Amino acid sequence: MLYGARMPKELVGSVAHYFGKAGVAALRMSGTLRVGDRISVEHSDSSVVLEEIVQSMEVNHAKVESAGAGDDVAIKLGGKVHEGNLVYRIVP
């Protein structure tokens, strides 16, 4: 792949809320996401807010390895995101 080329991605959810002090985003899932997946959080105009690897996930304060459509998931992020941002899983 050429440097700077965009990787294929799949929409997996959106940011429902961001807890700034904890650096945690609550996601409303529309697809499948697993610990270890690389994600891209983007504004509605497709500009990238951040990209990182999912280190851990929680559903109802319990650690999980994966989540699917309809789940509400909390993930720790290394940067600030906003409600309504779209979350994509970067497809290897």
PDB file of N, CA and C in Angstrom:
ATOM      1  N   MET A   1       0.837  -1.175   0.000  1.00  0.00           N
ATOM      2  CA  MET A   1       0.000   0.000   0.000  1.00  0.00           C
ATOM      3  C   MET A   1       0.884   1.242   0.000  1.00  0.00           C
ATOM      4  N   LEU A   2       0.481   2.249  -0.720  1.00  0.00           N
ATOM      5  CA  LEU A   2       1.238   3.484  -0.808  1.00  0.00           C
ATOM      6  C   LEU A   2       1.130   4.271   0.482  1.00  0.00           C
ATOM      7  N   TYR A   3       2.205   4.970   0.819  1.00  0.00           N
ATOM      8  CA  TYR A   3       2.198   5.814   2.009  1.00  0.00           C
ATOM      9  C   TYR A   3       1.090   6.851   1.883  1.00  0.00           C
ATOM     10  N   GLY A   4       0.316   7.022   2.938  1.00  0.00           N
ATOM     11  CA  GLY A   4      -0.735   8.025   2.959  1.00  0.00           C
ATOM     12  C   GLY A   4      -2.053   7.549   2.372  1.00  0.00           C
ATOM     13  N   ALA A   5      -2.075   6.358   1.785  1.00  0.00           N
ATOM     14  CA  ALA A   5      -3.322   5.842   1.209  1.00  0.00           C
ATOM     15  C   ALA A   5      -4.272   5.456   2.336  1.00  0.00           C
ATOM     16  N   ARG A   6      -5.554   5.652   2.118  1.00  0.00           N
ATOM     17  CA  ARG A   6      -6.556   5.323   3.126  1.00  0.00           C
ATOM     18  C   ARG A   6      -6.811   3.820   3.150  1.00  0.00           C
ATOM     19  N   MET A   7      -6.877   3.274   4.343  1.00  0.00           N
ATOM     20  CA  MET A   7      -7.192   1.861   4.516  1.00  0.00           C
ATOM     21  C   MET A   7      -8.710   1.694   4.406  1.00  0.00           C
ATOM     22  N   PRO A   8      -9.164   0.513   3.944  1.00  0.00           N
ATOM     23  CA  PRO A   8     -10.607   0.267   3.928  1.00  0.00           C
ATOM     24  C   PRO A   8     -11.142   0.282   5.359  1.00  0.00           C
ATOM     25  N   LYS A   9     -12.384   0.718   5.515  1.00  0.00           N
ATOM     26  CA  LYS A   9     -12.964   0.809   6.857  1.00  0.00           C
ATOM     27  C   LYS A   9     -14.427   0.438   6.821  1.00  0.00           C
ATOM     28  N   GLU A  10     -14.927   0.092   8.006  1.00  0.00           N
ATOM     29  CA  GLU A  10     -16.311  -0.357   8.156  1.00  0.00           C
ATOM     30  C   GLU A  10     -16.922   0.386   9.335  1.00  0.00           C
ATOM     31  N   LEU A  11     -18.075   1.036   9.130  1.00  0.00           N
ATOM     32  CA  LEU A  11     -18.753   1.753  10.202  1.00  0.00           C
ATOM     33  C   LEU A  11     -19.225   0.759  11.262  1.00  0.00           C
ATOM     34  N   VAL A  12     -18.841   1.007  12.530  1.00  0.00           N
ATOM     35  CA  VAL A  12     -19.245   0.100  13.606  1.00  0.00           C
ATOM     36  C   VAL A  12     -20.040   0.794  14.703  1.00  0.00           C
ATOM     37  N   GLY A  13     -20.142   2.127  14.650  1.00  0.00           N
ATOM     38  CA  GLY A  13     -20.915   2.813  15.676  1.00  0.00           C
ATOM     39  C   GLY A  13     -20.701   4.305  15.678  1.00  0.00           C
ATOM     40  N   SER A  14     -21.224   4.930  16.736  1.00  0.00           N
ATOM     41  CA  SER A  14     -21.062   6.374  16.897  1.00  0.00           C
ATOM     42  C   SER A  14     -20.863   6.695  18.375  1.00  0.00           C
ATOM     43  N   VAL A  15     -20.294   7.859  18.620  1.00  0.00           N
ATOM     44  CA  VAL A  15     -20.049   8.299  19.992  1.00  0.00           C
ATOM     45  C   VAL A  15     -21.354   8.859  20.553  1.00  0.00           C
ATOM     46  N   ALA A  16     -21.852   8.231  21.616  1.00  0.00           N
ATOM     47  CA  ALA A  16     -23.071   8.693  22.276  1.00  0.00           C
ATOM     48  C   ALA A  16     -22.741   9.738  23.338  1.00  0.00           C
ATOM     49  N   HIS A  17     -21.579   9.580  23.986  1.00  0.00           N
ATOM     50  CA  HIS A  17     -21.155  10.526  25.026  1.00  0.00           C
ATOM     51  C   HIS A  17     -19.653  10.394  25.231  1.00  0.00           C
ATOM     52  N   TYR A  18     -19.018  11.494  25.618  1.00  0.00           N
ATOM     53  CA  TYR A  18     -17.592  11.463  25.934  1.00  0.00           C
ATOM     54  C   TYR A  18     -17.406  11.978  27.347  1.00  0.00           C
ATOM     55  N   PHE A  19     -16.734  11.186  28.173  1.00  0.00           N
ATOM     56  CA  PHE A  19     -16.446  11.553  29.551  1.00  0.00           C
ATOM     57  C   PHE A  19     -15.021  12.088  29.600  1.00  0.00           C
ATOM     58  N   GLY A  20     -14.887  13.411  29.550  1.00  0.00           N
ATOM     59  CA  GLY A  20     -13.595  14.070  29.410  1.00  0.00           C
ATOM     60  C   GLY A  20     -12.596  13.765  30.509  1.00  0.00           C
ATOM     61  N   LYS A  21     -13.025  13.802  31.770  1.00  0.00           N
ATOM     62  CA  LYS A  21     -12.081  13.568  32.873  1.00  0.00           C
ATOM     63  C   LYS A  21     -11.502  12.164  32.823  1.00  0.00           C
ATOM     64  N   ALA A  22     -12.317  11.191  32.434  1.00  0.00           N
ATOM     65  CA  ALA A  22     -11.867   9.793  32.382  1.00  0.00           C
ATOM     66  C   ALA A  22     -11.257   9.439  31.028  1.00  0.00           C
ATOM     67  N   GLY A  23     -11.531  10.256  29.998  1.00  0.00           N
ATOM     68  CA  GLY A  23     -11.044   9.944  28.651  1.00  0.00           C
ATOM     69  C   GLY A  23     -11.721   8.719  28.063  1.00  0.00           C
ATOM     70  N   VAL A  24     -13.016   8.559  28.389  1.00  0.00           N
ATOM     71  CA  VAL A  24     -13.773   7.384  27.968  1.00  0.00           C
ATOM     72  C   VAL A  24     -14.932   7.815  27.064  1.00  0.00           C
ATOM     73  N   ALA A  25     -15.100   7.075  25.974  1.00  0.00           N
ATOM     74  CA  ALA A  25     -16.221   7.317  25.068  1.00  0.00           C
ATOM     75  C   ALA A  25     -17.247   6.209  25.218  1.00  0.00           C
ATOM     76  N   ALA A  26     -18.506   6.598  25.292  1.00  0.00           N
ATOM     77  CA  ALA A  26     -19.614   5.646  25.261  1.00  0.00           C
ATOM     78  C   ALA A  26     -20.043   5.542  23.809  1.00  0.00           C
ATOM     79  N   LEU A  27     -19.992   4.330  23.267  1.00  0.00           N
ATOM     80  CA  LEU A  27     -20.325   4.104  21.868  1.00  0.00           C
ATOM     81  C   LEU A  27     -21.642   3.371  21.743  1.00  0.00           C
ATOM     82  N   ARG A  28     -22.434   3.763  20.760  1.00  0.00           N
ATOM     83  CA  ARG A  28     -23.651   3.042  20.399  1.00  0.00           C
ATOM     84  C   ARG A  28     -23.277   2.227  19.169  1.00  0.00           C
ATOM     85  N   MET A  29     -23.231   0.912  19.315  1.00  0.00           N
ATOM     86  CA  MET A  29     -22.713   0.039  18.269  1.00  0.00           C
ATOM     87  C   MET A  29     -23.750  -0.279  17.187  1.00  0.00           C
ATOM     88  N   SER A  30     -23.273  -0.271  15.927  1.00  0.00           N
ATOM     89  CA  SER A  30     -24.104  -0.678  14.793  1.00  0.00           C
ATOM     90  C   SER A  30     -23.427  -1.819  14.031  1.00  0.00           C
ATOM     91  N   GLY A  31     -22.253  -2.227  14.517  1.00  0.00           N
ATOM     92  CA  GLY A  31     -21.486  -3.309  13.905  1.00  0.00           C
ATOM     93  C   GLY A  31     -20.689  -4.017  14.983  1.00  0.00           C
ATOM     94  N   THR A  32     -19.706  -4.801  14.575  1.00  0.00           N
ATOM     95  CA  THR A  32     -18.908  -5.589  15.512  1.00  0.00           C
ATOM     96  C   THR A  32     -17.550  -4.953  15.730  1.00  0.00           C
ATOM     97  N   LEU A  33     -17.108  -4.933  16.991  1.00  0.00           N
ATOM     98  CA  LEU A  33     -15.809  -4.391  17.366  1.00  0.00           C
ATOM     99  C   LEU A  33     -15.189  -5.310  18.405  1.00  0.00           C
ATOM    100  N   ARG A  34     -13.878  -5.523  18.301  1.00  0.00           N
ATOM    101  CA  ARG A  34     -13.149  -6.395  19.232  1.00  0.00           C
ATOM    102  C   ARG A  34     -11.938  -5.667  19.802  1.00  0.00           C
ATOM    103  N   VAL A  35     -11.526  -6.084  20.990  1.00  0.00           N
ATOM    104  CA  VAL A  35     -10.272  -5.597  21.557  1.00  0.00           C
ATOM    105  C   VAL A  35      -9.169  -5.973  20.571  1.00  0.00           C
ATOM    106  N   GLY A  36      -8.286  -5.028  20.280  1.00  0.00           N
ATOM    107  CA  GLY A  36      -7.210  -5.255  19.319  1.00  0.00           C
ATOM    108  C   GLY A  36      -7.503  -4.685  17.943  1.00  0.00           C
ATOM    109  N   ASP A  37      -8.786  -4.347  17.674  1.00  0.00           N
ATOM    110  CA  ASP A  37      -9.132  -3.731  16.394  1.00  0.00           C
ATOM    111  C   ASP A  37      -8.595  -2.306  16.342  1.00  0.00           C
ATOM    112  N   ARG A  38      -8.190  -1.873  15.167  1.00  0.00           N
ATOM    113  CA  ARG A  38      -7.777  -0.488  14.948  1.00  0.00           C
ATOM    114  C   ARG A  38      -9.011   0.292  14.519  1.00  0.00           C
ATOM    115  N   ILE A  39      -9.252   1.432  15.190  1.00  0.00           N
ATOM    116  CA  ILE A  39     -10.421   2.239  14.872  1.00  0.00           C
ATOM    117  C   ILE A  39     -10.014   3.633  14.412  1.00  0.00           C
ATOM    118  N   SER A  40     -10.921   4.239  13.682  1.00  0.00           N
ATOM    119  CA  SER A  40     -10.809   5.630  13.268  1.00  0.00           C
ATOM    120  C   SER A  40     -12.081   6.322  13.733  1.00  0.00           C
ATOM    121  N   VAL A  41     -11.921   7.393  14.524  1.00  0.00           N
ATOM    122  CA  VAL A  41     -13.059   8.195  14.962  1.00  0.00           C
ATOM    123  C   VAL A  41     -13.061   9.441  14.089  1.00  0.00           C
ATOM    124  N   GLU A  42     -14.204   9.713  13.450  1.00  0.00           N
ATOM    125  CA  GLU A  42     -14.255  10.767  12.446  1.00  0.00           C
ATOM    126  C   GLU A  42     -15.466  11.673  12.626  1.00  0.00           C
ATOM    127  N   HIS A  43     -15.294  12.925  12.186  1.00  0.00           N
ATOM    128  CA  HIS A  43     -16.418  13.857  12.106  1.00  0.00           C
ATOM    129  C   HIS A  43     -17.312  13.428  10.948  1.00  0.00           C
ATOM    130  N   SER A  44     -18.496  13.987  10.858  1.00  0.00           N
ATOM    131  CA  SER A  44     -19.425  13.631   9.781  1.00  0.00           C
ATOM    132  C   SER A  44     -18.896  13.991   8.397  1.00  0.00           C
ATOM    133  N   ASP A  45     -17.910  14.913   8.320  1.00  0.00           N
ATOM    134  CA  ASP A  45     -17.317  15.270   7.019  1.00  0.00           C
ATOM    135  C   ASP A  45     -16.137  14.368   6.665  1.00  0.00           C
ATOM    136  N   SER A  46     -15.951  13.285   7.409  1.00  0.00           N
ATOM    137  CA  SER A  46     -14.896  12.280   7.221  1.00  0.00           C
ATOM    138  C   SER A  46     -13.512  12.731   7.669  1.00  0.00           C
ATOM    139  N   SER A  47     -13.407  13.899   8.300  1.00  0.00           N
ATOM    140  CA  SER A  47     -12.100  14.292   8.834  1.00  0.00           C
ATOM    141  C   SER A  47     -11.829  13.464  10.088  1.00  0.00           C
ATOM    142  N   VAL A  48     -10.599  12.971  10.188  1.00  0.00           N
ATOM    143  CA  VAL A  48     -10.225  12.051  11.266  1.00  0.00           C
ATOM    144  C   VAL A  48      -9.948  12.814  12.562  1.00  0.00           C
ATOM    145  N   VAL A  49     -10.590  12.378  13.639  1.00  0.00           N
ATOM    146  CA  VAL A  49     -10.353  12.939  14.970  1.00  0.00           C
ATOM    147  C   VAL A  49      -9.181  12.205  15.603  1.00  0.00           C
ATOM    148  N   LEU A  50      -9.198  10.872  15.540  1.00  0.00           N
ATOM    149  CA  LEU A  50      -8.087  10.063  16.034  1.00  0.00           C
ATOM    150  C   LEU A  50      -8.170   8.659  15.481  1.00  0.00           C
ATOM    151  N   GLU A  51      -7.027   7.989  15.464  1.00  0.00           N
ATOM    152  CA  GLU A  51      -6.947   6.577  15.108  1.00  0.00           C
ATOM    153  C   GLU A  51      -6.149   5.888  16.195  1.00  0.00           C
ATOM    154  N   GLU A  52      -6.623   4.751  16.647  1.00  0.00           N
ATOM    155  CA  GLU A  52      -5.887   3.977  17.644  1.00  0.00           C
ATOM    156  C   GLU A  52      -6.416   2.557  17.719  1.00  0.00           C
ATOM    157  N   ILE A  53      -5.714   1.736  18.475  1.00  0.00           N
ATOM    158  CA  ILE A  53      -6.099   0.340  18.683  1.00  0.00           C
ATOM    159  C   ILE A  53      -6.911   0.248  19.969  1.00  0.00           C
ATOM    160  N   VAL A  54      -8.023  -0.478  19.914  1.00  0.00           N
ATOM    161  CA  VAL A  54      -8.881  -0.662  21.088  1.00  0.00           C
ATOM    162  C   VAL A  54      -8.125  -1.531  22.098  1.00  0.00           C
ATOM    163  N   GLN A  55      -7.845  -0.969  23.267  1.00  0.00           N
ATOM    164  CA  GLN A  55      -7.102  -1.676  24.315  1.00  0.00           C
ATOM    165  C   GLN A  55      -8.017  -2.443  25.264  1.00  0.00           C
ATOM    166  N   SER A  56      -9.203  -1.879  25.523  1.00  0.00           N
ATOM    167  CA  SER A  56     -10.160  -2.555  26.404  1.00  0.00           C
ATOM    168  C   SER A  56     -11.550  -2.001  26.128  1.00  0.00           C
ATOM    169  N   MET A  57     -12.545  -2.814  26.471  1.00  0.00           N
ATOM    170  CA  MET A  57     -13.944  -2.438  26.272  1.00  0.00           C
ATOM    171  C   MET A  57     -14.747  -2.897  27.481  1.00  0.00           C
ATOM    172  N   GLU A  58     -15.799  -2.135  27.794  1.00  0.00           N
ATOM    173  CA  GLU A  58     -16.691  -2.527  28.874  1.00  0.00           C
ATOM    174  C   GLU A  58     -18.138  -2.375  28.440  1.00  0.00           C
ATOM    175  N   VAL A  59     -18.961  -3.326  28.862  1.00  0.00           N
ATOM    176  CA  VAL A  59     -20.405  -3.258  28.705  1.00  0.00           C
ATOM    177  C   VAL A  59     -20.983  -3.399  30.103  1.00  0.00           C
ATOM    178  N   ASN A  60     -21.749  -2.411  30.550  1.00  0.00           N
ATOM    179  CA  ASN A  60     -22.313  -2.412  31.913  1.00  0.00           C
ATOM    180  C   ASN A  60     -21.226  -2.636  32.968  1.00  0.00           C
ATOM    181  N   HIS A  61     -20.114  -1.945  32.828  1.00  0.00           N
ATOM    182  CA  HIS A  61     -18.983  -1.977  33.775  1.00  0.00           C
ATOM    183  C   HIS A  61     -18.285  -3.328  33.863  1.00  0.00           C
ATOM    184  N   ALA A  62     -18.528  -4.207  32.906  1.00  0.00           N
ATOM    185  CA  ALA A  62     -17.848  -5.511  32.863  1.00  0.00           C
ATOM    186  C   ALA A  62     -16.983  -5.555  31.609  1.00  0.00           C
ATOM    187  N   LYS A  63     -15.722  -5.990  31.782  1.00  0.00           N
ATOM    188  CA  LYS A  63     -14.818  -6.086  30.636  1.00  0.00           C
ATOM    189  C   LYS A  63     -15.325  -7.139  29.657  1.00  0.00           C
ATOM    190  N   VAL A  64     -15.261  -6.796  28.358  1.00  0.00           N
ATOM    191  CA  VAL A  64     -15.646  -7.724  27.298  1.00  0.00           C
ATOM    192  C   VAL A  64     -14.571  -7.698  26.225  1.00  0.00           C
ATOM    193  N   GLU A  65     -14.500  -8.743  25.436  1.00  0.00           N
ATOM    194  CA  GLU A  65     -13.529  -8.836  24.347  1.00  0.00           C
ATOM    195  C   GLU A  65     -14.115  -8.358  23.024  1.00  0.00           C
ATOM    196  N   SER A  66     -15.459  -8.355  22.917  1.00  0.00           N
ATOM    197  CA  SER A  66     -16.100  -7.906  21.683  1.00  0.00           C
ATOM    198  C   SER A  66     -17.497  -7.394  21.991  1.00  0.00           C
ATOM    199  N   ALA A  67     -18.028  -6.619  21.043  1.00  0.00           N
ATOM    200  CA  ALA A  67     -19.386  -6.095  21.162  1.00  0.00           C
ATOM    201  C   ALA A  67     -19.975  -6.034  19.765  1.00  0.00           C
ATOM    202  N   GLY A  68     -21.306  -6.069  19.699  1.00  0.00           N
ATOM    203  CA  GLY A  68     -21.974  -6.063  18.407  1.00  0.00           C
ATOM    204  C   GLY A  68     -23.077  -5.030  18.328  1.00  0.00           C
ATOM    205  N   ALA A  69     -23.770  -5.034  17.213  1.00  0.00           N
ATOM    206  CA  ALA A  69     -24.847  -4.086  16.960  1.00  0.00           C
ATOM    207  C   ALA A  69     -25.852  -4.095  18.106  1.00  0.00           C
ATOM    208  N   GLY A  70     -26.228  -2.902  18.541  1.00  0.00           N
ATOM    209  CA  GLY A  70     -27.188  -2.754  19.631  1.00  0.00           C
ATOM    210  C   GLY A  70     -26.557  -2.604  20.994  1.00  0.00           C
ATOM    211  N   ASP A  71     -25.277  -2.956  21.127  1.00  0.00           N
ATOM    212  CA  ASP A  71     -24.597  -2.824  22.417  1.00  0.00           C
ATOM    213  C   ASP A  71     -24.199  -1.374  22.670  1.00  0.00           C
ATOM    214  N   ASP A  72     -24.168  -1.002  23.940  1.00  0.00           N
ATOM    215  CA  ASP A  72     -23.606   0.273  24.374  1.00  0.00           C
ATOM    216  C   ASP A  72     -22.297  -0.067  25.059  1.00  0.00           C
ATOM    217  N   VAL A  73     -21.188   0.455  24.527  1.00  0.00           N
ATOM    218  CA  VAL A  73     -19.850   0.058  24.939  1.00  0.00           C
ATOM    219  C   VAL A  73     -19.064   1.278  25.392  1.00  0.00           C
ATOM    220  N   ALA A  74     -18.230   1.100  26.402  1.00  0.00           N
ATOM    221  CA  ALA A  74     -17.322   2.156  26.844  1.00  0.00           C
ATOM    222  C   ALA A  74     -15.902   1.754  26.477  1.00  0.00           C
ATOM    223  N   ILE A  75     -15.165   2.686  25.849  1.00  0.00           N
ATOM    224  CA  ILE A  75     -13.756   2.437  25.548  1.00  0.00           C
ATOM    225  C   ILE A  75     -12.924   3.649  25.956  1.00  0.00           C
ATOM    226  N   LYS A  76     -11.728   3.373  26.445  1.00  0.00           N
ATOM    227  CA  LYS A  76     -10.780   4.416  26.826  1.00  0.00           C
ATOM    228  C   LYS A  76     -10.071   4.878  25.561  1.00  0.00           C
ATOM    229  N   LEU A  77      -9.974   6.198  25.387  1.00  0.00           N
ATOM    230  CA  LEU A  77      -9.327   6.757  24.209  1.00  0.00           C
ATOM    231  C   LEU A  77      -8.191   7.684  24.599  1.00  0.00           C
ATOM    232  N   GLY A  78      -7.246   7.843  23.695  1.00  0.00           N
ATOM    233  CA  GLY A  78      -6.090   8.691  23.936  1.00  0.00           C
ATOM    234  C   GLY A  78      -6.293  10.138  23.539  1.00  0.00           C
ATOM    235  N   GLY A  79      -7.490  10.498  23.120  1.00  0.00           N
ATOM    236  CA  GLY A  79      -7.774  11.868  22.720  1.00  0.00           C
ATOM    237  C   GLY A  79      -9.242  12.173  22.871  1.00  0.00           C
ATOM    238  N   LYS A  80      -9.579  13.458  22.737  1.00  0.00           N
ATOM    239  CA  LYS A  80     -10.951  13.911  22.909  1.00  0.00           C
ATOM    240  C   LYS A  80     -11.763  13.654  21.644  1.00  0.00           C
ATOM    241  N   VAL A  81     -12.981  13.163  21.830  1.00  0.00           N
ATOM    242  CA  VAL A  81     -13.926  12.966  20.735  1.00  0.00           C
ATOM    243  C   VAL A  81     -15.214  13.691  21.108  1.00  0.00           C
ATOM    244  N   HIS A  82     -16.174  13.713  20.187  1.00  0.00           N
ATOM    245  CA  HIS A  82     -17.413  14.447  20.414  1.00  0.00           C
ATOM    246  C   HIS A  82     -18.621  13.569  20.127  1.00  0.00           C
ATOM    247  N   GLU A  83     -19.707  13.870  20.812  1.00  0.00           N
ATOM    248  CA  GLU A  83     -20.953  13.155  20.544  1.00  0.00           C
ATOM    249  C   GLU A  83     -21.277  13.271  19.060  1.00  0.00           C
ATOM    250  N   GLY A  84     -21.683  12.160  18.474  1.00  0.00           N
ATOM    251  CA  GLY A  84     -22.037  12.153  17.064  1.00  0.00           C
ATOM    252  C   GLY A  84     -20.901  11.746  16.142  1.00  0.00           C
ATOM    253  N   ASN A  85     -19.638  11.765  16.663  1.00  0.00           N
ATOM    254  CA  ASN A  85     -18.533  11.287  15.828  1.00  0.00           C
ATOM    255  C   ASN A  85     -18.805   9.843  15.425  1.00  0.00           C
ATOM    256  N   LEU A  86     -18.394   9.482  14.219  1.00  0.00           N
ATOM    257  CA  LEU A  86     -18.582   8.123  13.714  1.00  0.00           C
ATOM    258  C   LEU A  86     -17.340   7.287  14.003  1.00  0.00           C
ATOM    259  N   VAL A  87     -17.555   6.022  14.332  1.00  0.00           N
ATOM    260  CA  VAL A  87     -16.459   5.116  14.675  1.00  0.00           C
ATOM    261  C   VAL A  87     -16.384   4.030  13.601  1.00  0.00           C
ATOM    262  N   TYR A  88     -15.201   3.908  13.001  1.00  0.00           N
ATOM    263  CA  TYR A  88     -14.956   2.926  11.951  1.00  0.00           C
ATOM    264  C   TYR A  88     -13.910   1.928  12.413  1.00  0.00           C
ATOM    265  N   ARG A  89     -14.095   0.666  12.042  1.00  0.00           N
ATOM    266  CA  ARG A  89     -13.054  -0.349  12.241  1.00  0.00           C
ATOM    267  C   ARG A  89     -12.248  -0.361  10.958  1.00  0.00           C
ATOM    268  N   ILE A  90     -10.934  -0.189  11.096  1.00  0.00           N
ATOM    269  CA  ILE A  90     -10.060  -0.210   9.934  1.00  0.00           C
ATOM    270  C   ILE A  90      -9.811  -1.663   9.571  1.00  0.00           C
ATOM    271  N   VAL A  91     -10.132  -2.016   8.333  1.00  0.00           N
ATOM    272  CA  VAL A  91     -10.034  -3.384   7.861  1.00  0.00           C
ATOM    273  C   VAL A  91      -8.611  -3.629   7.351  1.00  0.00           C
ATOM    274  N   PRO A  92      -7.931  -4.633   7.926  1.00  0.00           N
ATOM    275  CA  PRO A  92      -6.537  -4.889   7.498  1.00  0.00           C
ATOM    276  C   PRO A  92      -6.453  -5.411   6.080  1.00  0.00           C
TER     277      PRO A  92
END
